[in-house]
Protein backbone atom coordinates (compact mmCIF):
# COMPACT_ATOMS: atom_id res chain seq x y z
CA UNK A 1 81.77 122.31 85.63
CA UNK A 2 80.97 120.96 82.22
CA UNK A 3 79.10 118.24 81.71
CA UNK A 4 80.67 114.59 80.01
CA UNK A 5 78.32 115.40 77.04
CA UNK A 6 79.70 119.12 76.42
CA UNK A 7 82.69 117.88 76.36
CA UNK A 8 81.84 114.93 73.93
CA UNK A 9 79.84 117.01 71.43
CA UNK A 10 82.35 120.50 71.69
CA UNK A 11 85.77 118.38 71.33
CA UNK A 12 87.93 120.87 69.59
CA UNK A 13 90.20 119.88 66.63
CA UNK A 14 93.25 119.74 68.27
CA UNK A 15 94.56 116.37 69.01
CA UNK A 16 95.84 115.81 72.38
CA UNK A 17 99.88 115.51 72.36
CA UNK A 18 99.93 118.44 69.93
CA UNK A 19 101.10 121.64 71.57
CA UNK A 20 98.43 123.56 72.70
CA UNK A 21 95.85 121.65 74.93
CA UNK A 22 92.05 123.01 76.15
CA UNK A 23 89.73 121.48 78.39
CA UNK A 24 88.02 120.20 75.12
CA UNK A 25 90.56 118.18 73.94
CA UNK A 26 90.56 116.08 77.14
CA UNK A 27 89.96 112.95 74.68
CA UNK A 28 86.61 112.42 75.65
CA UNK A 29 84.88 110.78 72.50
CA UNK A 30 81.47 108.79 72.20
CA UNK A 31 83.63 105.57 70.77
CA UNK A 32 85.74 105.86 73.98
CA UNK A 33 83.04 106.08 76.69
CA UNK A 34 80.20 104.10 75.21
CA UNK A 35 78.58 104.20 78.66
CA UNK A 36 77.93 107.19 80.80
CA UNK A 37 80.64 108.24 82.92
CA UNK A 38 81.13 107.66 86.89
CA UNK A 39 79.75 110.30 89.16
CA UNK A 40 82.70 112.99 89.41
CA UNK A 41 85.34 112.26 92.43
CA UNK A 42 86.54 115.31 94.67
CA UNK A 43 89.90 116.03 94.43
CA UNK A 44 90.44 115.70 98.39
CA UNK A 45 89.28 112.13 97.77
CA UNK A 46 92.18 111.18 95.26
CA UNK A 47 95.84 110.33 96.30
CA UNK A 48 97.93 111.33 93.48
CA UNK A 49 100.98 109.62 92.03
CA UNK A 50 103.53 111.88 89.87
CA UNK A 51 105.58 109.83 87.83
CA UNK A 52 108.51 112.14 86.41
CA UNK A 53 112.33 112.83 86.36
CA UNK A 54 112.58 115.89 86.38
CA UNK A 55 112.40 117.35 89.94
CA UNK A 56 111.10 121.08 88.41
CA UNK A 57 108.54 119.39 86.27
CA UNK A 58 107.08 117.44 89.10
CA UNK A 59 106.91 120.39 91.72
CA UNK A 60 105.44 122.29 89.04
CA UNK A 61 102.73 119.47 88.82
CA UNK A 62 102.43 118.94 92.03
CA UNK A 63 101.60 122.93 92.38
CA UNK A 64 98.75 122.53 89.91
CA UNK A 65 97.31 120.00 91.23
CA UNK A 66 97.23 121.67 94.74
CA UNK A 67 95.96 124.91 93.32
CA UNK A 68 93.00 122.25 91.84
CA UNK A 69 92.24 121.14 94.98
CA UNK A 70 94.56 117.85 95.10
CA UNK A 71 96.52 117.64 98.30
CA UNK A 72 97.51 113.81 98.77
CA UNK A 73 100.13 113.97 96.09
CA UNK A 74 103.47 111.47 95.69
CA UNK A 75 106.38 112.32 93.55
CA UNK A 76 108.31 109.51 92.31
CA UNK A 77 111.47 109.95 90.11
CA UNK A 78 111.72 106.55 88.13
CA UNK A 79 109.65 103.98 86.90
CA UNK A 80 111.17 101.89 89.79
CA UNK A 81 110.02 103.71 92.12
CA UNK A 82 106.61 104.32 90.96
CA UNK A 83 105.95 100.65 91.10
CA UNK A 84 106.92 100.55 94.60
CA UNK A 85 105.10 103.75 95.78
CA UNK A 86 101.88 102.16 93.71
CA UNK A 87 101.96 98.91 96.01
CA UNK A 88 102.90 101.05 99.27
CA UNK A 89 100.46 103.95 98.95
CA UNK A 90 97.56 102.61 96.34
CA UNK A 91 96.73 105.80 94.45
CA UNK A 92 93.91 106.55 92.78
CA UNK A 93 95.74 107.94 89.82
CA UNK A 94 98.85 108.12 88.52
CA UNK A 95 100.36 111.39 85.79
CA UNK A 96 103.31 109.08 84.03
CA UNK A 97 105.96 111.08 82.07
CA UNK A 98 106.43 109.52 78.86
CA UNK A 99 110.13 109.51 78.95
CA UNK A 100 111.38 108.20 82.15
CA UNK A 101 115.30 107.25 82.27
CA UNK A 102 114.63 104.17 83.26
CA UNK A 103 112.02 102.79 80.88
CA UNK A 104 109.03 104.87 78.99
CA UNK A 105 105.97 105.93 80.77
CA UNK A 106 104.31 103.07 77.89
CA UNK A 107 106.49 100.54 79.47
CA UNK A 108 105.68 101.39 83.22
CA UNK A 109 102.25 101.18 82.14
CA UNK A 110 102.34 97.72 80.75
CA UNK A 111 103.82 96.82 84.43
CA UNK A 112 101.56 98.63 86.56
CA UNK A 113 98.43 96.53 84.22
CA UNK A 114 100.78 93.43 84.61
CA UNK A 115 101.19 94.06 88.38
CA UNK A 116 100.25 90.92 90.87
CA UNK A 117 98.39 93.10 93.36
CA UNK A 118 94.84 94.31 91.97
CA UNK A 119 95.09 98.16 93.69
CA UNK A 120 98.19 98.45 91.55
CA UNK A 121 96.25 97.09 88.33
CA UNK A 122 93.46 99.48 88.97
CA UNK A 123 95.13 102.32 89.15
CA UNK A 124 94.00 105.29 86.90
CA UNK A 125 96.80 106.50 84.60
CA UNK A 126 96.99 109.82 82.55
CA UNK A 127 99.99 109.87 80.06
CA UNK A 128 102.03 113.72 80.35
CA UNK A 129 104.16 114.22 77.23
CA UNK A 130 107.20 116.44 76.77
CA UNK A 131 106.28 116.55 73.25
CA UNK A 132 104.01 116.10 70.84
CA UNK A 133 104.79 112.69 68.83
CA UNK A 134 102.84 111.20 66.02
CA UNK A 135 100.70 108.10 67.31
CA UNK A 136 101.14 109.16 71.05
CA UNK A 137 97.27 109.18 71.35
CA UNK A 138 96.41 105.71 70.20
CA UNK A 139 99.49 104.51 72.30
CA UNK A 140 98.42 105.60 75.31
CA UNK A 141 94.60 104.52 74.47
CA UNK A 142 96.24 100.89 73.76
CA UNK A 143 98.50 101.03 77.06
CA UNK A 144 95.56 102.13 79.33
CA UNK A 145 95.54 106.19 79.45
CA UNK A 146 92.55 107.66 80.85
CA UNK A 147 93.81 110.52 78.68
CA UNK A 148 97.67 112.23 77.44
CA UNK A 149 98.41 115.99 77.84
CA UNK A 150 101.43 118.09 76.48
CA UNK A 151 103.48 119.92 78.92
CA UNK A 152 102.82 122.46 80.06
CA UNK A 153 100.02 120.80 81.28
CA UNK A 154 96.77 122.79 81.18
CA UNK A 155 95.14 122.83 84.25
CA UNK A 156 91.22 123.06 83.48
CA UNK A 157 92.28 120.03 81.19
CA UNK A 158 94.24 118.11 83.84
CA UNK A 159 91.10 118.49 86.12
CA UNK A 160 88.51 117.44 84.08
CA UNK A 161 90.21 114.32 83.15
CA UNK A 162 91.02 113.83 87.50
CA UNK A 163 87.27 114.39 88.03
CA UNK A 164 85.82 111.67 85.18
CA UNK A 165 86.43 108.19 86.01
CA UNK A 166 86.47 105.75 83.15
CA UNK A 167 83.56 102.95 83.73
């Protein structure tokens, strides 16, 4: 696996949420990560919450995660259910679709960050966009996401973001 410094120094010019995404597009820049990353996390150590209203898309993402070794996955088909599961299950990371039926992924991120229980506020968030929209990258950063990937989610980029912990 490439180290964090390789990702920073060789980041391609393709922006996240802009169509095709490579592993180097995993949003790692020196400005965003001023301190060294925490040690890599092992896939089997993580509970992952997938928030997506589309069953096929959610199951596809679950299969990709299982292929990468992330076996403890949960799916919420609405933002409201995601908030309940985040509190009940305390996942390490949540993959939030930005286009949910009951609120946007950005609104959900805001509610998770403002939650009354600290384990919910600390969940790492990864945005998953249906399509590339101008400004998604900046909005996702401001909302506290560790990254943003466009569907179909590239497994290598997903794995890199999942294994890298925010400091």
